[in-house]
Protein backbone atom coordinates (compact mmCIF):
# COMPACT_ATOMS: atom_id res chain seq x y z
CA MET A 1 22.51 -25.86 -28.55
CA ALA A 2 19.68 -23.57 -30.35
CA ARG A 3 21.12 -20.93 -32.46
CA SER A 4 19.55 -17.95 -32.55
CA SER A 5 18.56 -15.49 -35.52
CA THR A 6 20.59 -13.13 -35.17
CA ARG A 7 24.43 -12.86 -35.35
CA PRO A 8 25.75 -14.33 -32.51
CA THR A 9 27.87 -11.65 -30.00
CA SER A 10 30.84 -11.93 -27.78
CA ARG A 11 28.69 -11.71 -25.10
CA ASP A 12 26.75 -14.49 -26.40
CA VAL A 13 29.89 -16.87 -26.69
CA ALA A 14 30.77 -15.55 -22.98
CA GLN A 15 27.62 -16.64 -21.53
CA ALA A 16 27.75 -20.13 -23.00
CA ALA A 17 31.47 -20.79 -22.07
CA GLY A 18 31.02 -19.38 -18.37
CA VAL A 19 33.48 -16.49 -18.83
CA SER A 20 34.01 -13.20 -19.14
CA GLN A 21 33.84 -10.73 -22.37
CA ALA A 22 37.00 -9.89 -21.92
CA ALA A 23 38.49 -13.71 -21.59
CA VAL A 24 36.64 -14.49 -24.82
CA SER A 25 38.81 -11.15 -26.27
CA LEU A 26 41.78 -12.74 -25.24
CA VAL A 27 41.03 -16.37 -26.42
CA LEU A 28 39.82 -15.49 -29.93
CA GLY A 29 42.52 -12.57 -30.29
CA ASP A 30 45.38 -15.60 -29.53
CA LYS A 31 46.57 -13.62 -26.65
CA TRP A 32 45.33 -15.53 -23.38
CA ARG A 33 48.50 -17.77 -22.93
CA GLY A 34 49.59 -16.65 -19.23
CA ARG A 35 46.03 -15.25 -18.69
CA VAL A 36 43.30 -18.27 -18.96
CA SER A 37 43.93 -21.61 -18.51
CA GLU A 38 44.40 -23.88 -21.53
CA THR A 39 41.18 -25.39 -20.42
CA THR A 40 39.02 -22.17 -20.18
CA ALA A 41 40.60 -21.50 -23.66
CA GLU A 42 39.18 -24.50 -25.18
CA ARG A 43 35.88 -23.89 -23.91
CA VAL A 44 35.33 -20.80 -25.84
CA ARG A 45 36.75 -21.63 -28.69
CA GLU A 46 33.97 -24.57 -28.26
CA ALA A 47 31.18 -22.35 -27.65
CA ALA A 48 32.06 -19.62 -30.36
CA ARG A 49 32.03 -22.34 -32.62
CA ASP A 50 28.96 -24.01 -31.85
CA LEU A 51 27.08 -20.96 -31.90
CA GLY A 52 28.62 -19.84 -35.31
CA TYR A 53 30.33 -16.80 -34.00
CA ARG A 54 32.84 -14.68 -35.79
CA PRO A 55 33.83 -11.53 -35.38
CA ASN A 56 33.25 -8.19 -36.63
CA LEU A 57 36.55 -7.28 -37.95
CA ALA A 58 35.26 -3.97 -39.11
CA ALA A 59 34.64 -2.92 -35.99
CA ARG A 60 37.73 -4.29 -34.37
CA ASN A 61 39.98 -2.78 -37.06
CA LEU A 62 38.69 0.46 -36.41
CA ARG A 63 39.02 -0.37 -32.62
CA LEU A 64 42.98 -0.89 -33.04
CA GLY A 65 43.07 1.52 -35.40
CA HIS A 66 44.15 -1.08 -37.93
CA THR A 67 42.28 -1.07 -41.41
CA ARG A 68 44.86 -3.11 -43.12
CA THR A 69 44.67 -0.36 -46.24
CA VAL A 70 48.15 1.42 -47.15
CA LEU A 71 48.63 4.65 -49.31
CA LEU A 72 51.28 4.91 -51.90
CA VAL A 73 51.99 7.95 -52.84
CA VAL A 74 53.38 8.59 -56.70
CA PRO A 75 54.56 11.70 -58.48
CA ALA A 76 52.15 11.18 -61.11
CA LEU A 77 50.71 8.31 -63.22
CA THR A 78 51.83 9.86 -66.67
CA THR A 79 54.42 6.60 -66.97
CA GLU A 80 54.09 2.97 -66.65
CA PHE A 81 56.53 2.76 -64.53
CA PHE A 82 54.76 4.20 -61.49
CA ALA A 83 52.01 1.72 -62.63
CA GLY A 84 54.45 -1.50 -62.07
CA VAL A 85 55.56 0.17 -58.65
CA TYR A 86 51.85 -0.29 -57.65
CA THR A 87 51.43 -3.57 -59.32
CA GLY A 88 54.47 -4.77 -57.25
CA ALA A 89 53.44 -3.34 -54.01
CA ALA A 90 49.77 -4.79 -54.30
CA ARG A 91 50.88 -8.11 -55.49
CA VAL A 92 52.23 -8.15 -51.74
CA ALA A 93 50.07 -6.30 -49.88
CA ALA A 94 47.30 -8.98 -51.15
CA ASP A 95 49.22 -11.81 -50.07
CA HIS A 96 49.15 -10.10 -46.64
CA GLY A 97 45.55 -9.24 -46.77
CA PHE A 98 46.22 -5.47 -47.13
CA GLY A 99 44.50 -3.55 -49.74
CA VAL A 100 46.89 -0.51 -51.64
CA VAL A 101 45.10 2.56 -51.99
CA LEU A 102 46.69 5.04 -55.10
CA TYR A 103 47.41 8.45 -54.65
CA PRO A 104 49.01 10.48 -57.15
CA SER A 105 50.49 13.93 -56.34
CA PRO A 106 49.04 16.60 -57.95
CA GLU A 107 51.43 18.02 -60.83
CA GLY A 108 54.00 15.01 -60.37
CA ILE A 109 55.28 17.26 -56.89
CA GLY A 110 54.30 19.41 -54.20
CA PRO A 111 51.40 19.36 -51.58
CA ALA A 112 48.21 17.24 -52.10
CA ARG A 113 44.32 17.80 -50.69
CA ASP A 114 44.01 14.79 -47.76
CA PRO A 115 42.53 11.70 -49.62
CA PHE A 116 40.54 11.00 -46.58
CA ALA A 117 38.72 12.81 -43.89
CA SER A 118 41.40 11.66 -41.52
CA ALA A 119 44.91 9.67 -43.23
CA GLN A 120 46.00 8.51 -40.14
CA ALA A 121 42.35 7.23 -38.93
CA ALA A 122 42.25 5.28 -42.07
CA LEU A 123 45.24 4.11 -42.80
CA ASP A 124 48.10 1.49 -41.23
CA GLY A 125 50.92 3.10 -43.39
CA VAL A 126 52.09 4.75 -46.23
CA ILE A 127 54.92 3.90 -49.16
CA ALA A 128 55.87 7.42 -50.60
CA SER A 129 58.38 8.16 -53.71
CA SER A 130 60.59 11.04 -52.71
CA MET A 131 60.01 12.93 -56.21
CA ALA A 132 56.49 13.25 -53.92
CA ALA A 133 57.51 13.86 -50.78
CA ASP A 134 56.09 16.97 -50.07
CA ALA A 135 52.20 15.93 -50.58
CA LEU A 136 53.20 13.84 -46.85
CA THR A 137 53.07 16.40 -44.75
CA ALA A 138 49.16 17.69 -46.35
CA ILE A 139 48.18 14.17 -45.40
CA ARG A 140 49.62 13.96 -42.45
CA GLY A 141 51.59 10.76 -44.20
CA ASP A 142 54.30 11.58 -42.23
CA GLN A 143 52.94 10.82 -38.58
CA LEU A 144 52.16 7.22 -40.03
CA PRO A 145 54.54 4.27 -40.73
CA LEU A 146 56.07 5.19 -43.75
CA VAL A 147 58.48 3.82 -46.35
CA MET A 148 60.09 6.20 -48.47
CA LEU A 149 61.48 4.73 -52.02
CA ASP A 150 63.96 6.95 -54.10
CA SER A 151 64.89 8.34 -50.85
CA ASP A 152 67.96 9.45 -49.19
CA PRO A 153 68.69 7.14 -46.69
CA SER A 154 70.55 9.51 -44.50
CA GLY A 155 68.16 11.96 -44.09
CA SER A 156 64.56 10.07 -44.85
CA LEU A 157 61.21 10.87 -43.53
CA GLY A 158 60.62 6.74 -42.87
CA ALA A 159 61.06 4.18 -41.17
CA ALA A 160 62.89 2.48 -43.92
CA THR A 161 63.56 3.54 -47.50
CA VAL A 162 63.70 1.61 -49.74
CA ASN A 163 65.96 2.16 -53.07
CA LEU A 164 67.28 1.44 -56.78
CA ASP A 165 70.83 1.18 -57.39
CA ILE A 166 70.49 4.56 -59.73
CA ALA A 167 74.25 5.15 -59.05
CA ASP A 168 75.48 1.95 -60.43
CA GLY A 169 72.93 2.10 -63.57
CA ILE A 170 74.95 5.88 -63.97
CA ARG A 171 78.43 4.10 -63.45
CA GLN A 172 77.30 1.88 -66.48
CA VAL A 173 76.49 3.78 -68.54
CA ALA A 174 79.64 6.09 -67.75
CA ALA A 175 81.17 3.11 -68.28
CA HIS A 176 79.47 2.34 -71.76
CA LEU A 177 80.08 5.93 -73.14
CA LEU A 178 83.42 6.43 -72.32
CA ALA A 179 84.81 2.72 -73.57
CA LEU A 180 83.10 3.54 -76.89
CA GLY A 181 85.68 6.58 -77.12
CA HIS A 182 83.04 9.83 -76.27
CA ARG A 183 85.01 12.72 -74.05
CA ARG A 184 82.25 15.30 -74.42
CA PHE A 185 79.21 14.96 -72.76
CA LEU A 186 75.99 16.94 -72.10
CA HIS A 187 73.60 15.73 -69.07
CA LEU A 188 69.90 16.43 -70.01
CA ALA A 189 68.76 16.44 -66.26
CA ALA A 190 65.15 16.39 -64.61
CA ASP A 191 64.36 19.52 -63.29
CA VAL A 192 63.11 18.22 -60.22
CA PRO A 193 64.20 18.76 -56.61
CA SER A 194 64.56 15.09 -56.02
CA TRP A 195 67.57 13.18 -54.19
CA THR A 196 66.84 10.57 -56.94
CA PHE A 197 68.26 13.13 -59.57
CA GLU A 198 71.04 14.14 -57.43
CA VAL A 199 72.58 11.17 -57.37
CA ARG A 200 72.33 10.81 -61.28
CA ALA A 201 74.27 13.88 -61.58
CA ARG A 202 76.75 13.66 -59.00
CA GLU A 203 77.76 10.05 -59.90
CA LEU A 204 77.85 11.13 -63.36
CA ALA A 205 80.17 13.90 -62.73
CA ALA A 206 82.19 11.61 -60.60
CA GLN A 207 82.44 8.74 -63.29
CA LEU A 208 83.47 11.36 -66.14
CA ASP A 209 86.06 13.10 -63.65
CA THR A 210 88.07 9.74 -62.94
CA VAL A 211 88.93 10.07 -66.80
CA PRO A 212 91.45 12.85 -68.65
CA GLY A 213 89.82 15.07 -71.15
CA THR A 214 86.33 14.61 -70.67
CA SER A 215 83.92 17.70 -70.18
CA VAL A 216 80.07 17.50 -69.26
CA ARG A 217 77.66 20.40 -69.74
CA THR A 218 74.04 20.36 -67.86
CA ALA A 219 70.88 21.49 -69.00
CA HIS A 220 67.69 21.40 -67.35
CA ALA A 221 64.63 20.35 -68.11
CA PRO A 222 61.30 19.31 -66.92
CA ILE A 223 60.28 15.59 -67.78
CA SER A 224 57.98 16.09 -70.53
CA ILE A 225 58.92 15.81 -74.08
CA ASP A 226 58.48 19.03 -75.06
CA GLY A 227 60.56 20.52 -72.32
CA ALA A 228 63.22 17.85 -73.05
CA LEU A 229 63.22 19.15 -77.01
CA THR A 230 63.19 23.00 -76.46
CA ALA A 231 66.11 22.26 -73.82
CA THR A 232 68.22 20.13 -75.38
CA GLU A 233 67.53 22.03 -78.52
CA ALA A 234 68.80 24.98 -76.86
CA ALA A 235 72.21 23.09 -75.39
CA LEU A 236 72.84 22.03 -78.83
CA ALA A 237 72.60 24.83 -80.49
CA THR A 238 75.55 26.56 -77.63
CA PRO A 239 79.18 27.89 -79.56
CA GLY A 240 81.62 25.42 -79.04
CA PRO A 241 82.47 21.62 -79.82
CA ARG A 242 79.25 20.15 -79.54
CA PRO A 243 78.85 16.69 -77.42
CA THR A 244 79.12 13.40 -79.06
CA ALA A 245 76.65 11.81 -76.15
CA LEU A 246 73.48 12.98 -74.35
CA VAL A 247 72.78 11.24 -70.98
CA CYS A 248 69.26 11.80 -70.12
CA ASP A 249 67.89 11.41 -66.88
CA ASP A 250 64.80 9.12 -67.70
CA ASP A 251 63.52 7.97 -71.36
CA LYS A 252 60.98 10.42 -71.56
CA LEU A 253 63.67 13.44 -71.73
CA ALA A 254 65.77 11.19 -74.32
CA ALA A 255 62.30 10.95 -76.10
CA GLY A 256 62.09 14.66 -76.53
CA ALA A 257 65.68 15.02 -76.94
CA TYR A 258 65.80 12.70 -80.07
CA LYS A 259 62.97 15.50 -81.97
CA ALA A 260 65.75 18.24 -80.84
CA VAL A 261 68.36 15.95 -82.87
CA ARG A 262 66.56 15.74 -85.70
CA ARG A 263 65.49 19.19 -85.65
CA LEU A 264 68.84 20.06 -86.16
CA GLY A 265 69.65 17.56 -89.06
CA LEU A 266 72.03 15.28 -86.60
CA ARG A 267 71.39 11.53 -86.81
CA ILE A 268 71.31 9.70 -83.95
CA PRO A 269 74.41 7.48 -83.22
CA ASP A 270 76.00 9.01 -85.98
CA ASP A 271 76.52 12.40 -84.78
CA ILE A 272 75.59 11.97 -81.17
CA SER A 273 74.60 9.37 -78.69
CA VAL A 274 71.97 9.43 -76.64
CA THR A 275 70.83 7.08 -73.30
CA GLY A 276 68.01 6.85 -70.84
CA LEU A 277 67.30 5.49 -67.83
CA ASP A 278 63.70 3.48 -66.99
CA ASP A 279 63.37 1.39 -70.28
CA LEU A 280 59.88 2.06 -70.71
CA GLY A 281 58.18 1.27 -73.37
CA LEU A 282 58.81 4.20 -75.37
CA ALA A 283 62.36 3.26 -75.17
CA THR A 284 61.95 0.34 -78.00
CA ALA A 285 59.45 2.36 -79.71
CA ILE A 286 61.76 5.09 -81.05
CA ASP A 287 64.15 4.69 -83.65
CA PRO A 288 66.47 3.75 -83.16
CA GLU A 289 65.61 1.62 -79.86
CA LEU A 290 67.27 3.13 -76.61
CA THR A 291 70.23 2.36 -74.94
CA THR A 292 68.86 2.46 -71.49
CA VAL A 293 69.02 1.43 -67.74
CA ARG A 294 66.21 -1.43 -67.07
CA LEU A 295 64.73 -0.47 -63.45
CA ASP A 296 62.21 -3.05 -61.84
CA ALA A 297 59.55 -0.79 -61.06
CA GLU A 298 57.38 -4.27 -59.90
CA LEU A 299 59.91 -5.70 -57.87
CA PHE A 300 60.67 -2.13 -56.71
CA GLY A 301 56.48 -2.11 -55.34
CA GLU A 302 57.17 -5.16 -53.80
CA ARG A 303 60.16 -4.39 -51.60
CA GLY A 304 58.63 -1.33 -50.90
CA MET A 305 55.44 -3.12 -49.15
CA GLU A 306 57.42 -6.28 -47.66
CA ALA A 307 59.49 -3.20 -46.02
CA LEU A 308 56.30 -1.51 -44.68
CA LEU A 309 54.60 -4.76 -43.35
CA ALA A 310 58.26 -5.30 -41.30
CA VAL A 311 58.01 -1.81 -39.78
CA LEU A 312 54.17 -2.82 -38.95
CA GLU A 313 55.50 -5.71 -37.45
CA GLY A 314 58.71 -4.70 -35.90
CA ARG A 315 61.11 -6.33 -37.61
CA THR A 316 64.09 -4.80 -39.68
CA PRO A 317 63.35 -4.52 -43.64
CA GLN A 318 65.63 -6.31 -46.05
CA ALA A 319 69.23 -4.06 -46.62
CA GLY A 320 70.77 -3.46 -50.02
CA ASP A 321 69.49 -1.49 -52.82
CA ILE A 322 67.63 -3.16 -56.08
CA PRO A 323 70.30 -3.73 -58.73
CA VAL A 324 69.77 -2.12 -62.86
CA GLU A 325 70.87 -3.43 -65.98
CA LEU A 326 72.17 -1.68 -68.74
CA VAL A 327 70.44 -2.71 -71.73
CA VAL A 328 72.76 -1.67 -75.11
CA ARG A 329 70.77 -0.98 -78.10
CA GLY A 330 70.95 1.36 -81.37
CA SER A 331 71.26 4.98 -80.06
CA THR A 332 75.01 4.69 -78.36
CA ALA A 333 78.09 4.28 -80.66
CA PRO A 334 81.51 5.39 -81.13
CA PRO A 335 81.77 9.08 -81.59
CA SER A 336 82.02 9.94 -85.22
CA THR A 337 84.74 12.74 -84.61
CA PRO A 338 87.30 12.66 -81.99
């Protein structure tokens, strides 16, 4: 059979096989069973092979609304945590022929401009951190198949949620500090209206309530080293018995707290113990190295992408929160005063 100098079309295959273009679409889309005979299907496949026909996947994807592209919406790219989330998501996506577009919400939280002329036309689905949830409405991401990360399962916008077991991480921190003998706590809380930070505050209070004689004060700070420094300095200068343990919502806040503690002439962990949450690179760059909760960012991204694939395929995503682990280092010790 002579080959045409131009790219063969489905019409050429239909003519060669003596069938309709609809039959060609059914056979090459693997949707022919029960609609055309096995003999006809084989004739179409043979004609396609002989002609060297390959479906125009780009055109088919546009027609079906499938571009095999996923949007990952994160609050910011200022820590390596969300780089790890992207790495994990992109690895699973690539294994399934998908690409991942990373989109940071401006200023970490709040609305975002639509990164596409029409997100619904350009995307198959969205994975979003709850810290960037406000961006979803602006990009109409809440109208697409959506998986939420770090989100309240009972009130999530998404078809599925994937969470790290942050509550257990806080339980591990509280148990560690209480076992060391700490009873006066300062919680340096992220000043961000997000479910994941509400969990930290709620769980810390619940754990400390189980032990008589404990007290906890809370200082709110933006997630920045300077913000944490200012908030910690003010909190530790407040009249009354000084806290012996400072529980920080993340490692960046802990780094700012270190600076405040030293400005006040105090020592870590001799005068005050400090804990973080994330286990970022800076946790071992500061001195003493930081006791913190290790979160597996790449696994978090992998599970998020796997959940979205399940949603797209009509399957039930894997259940259960991702385990976390307390890593004890030099920033915690028994209190020097009762």
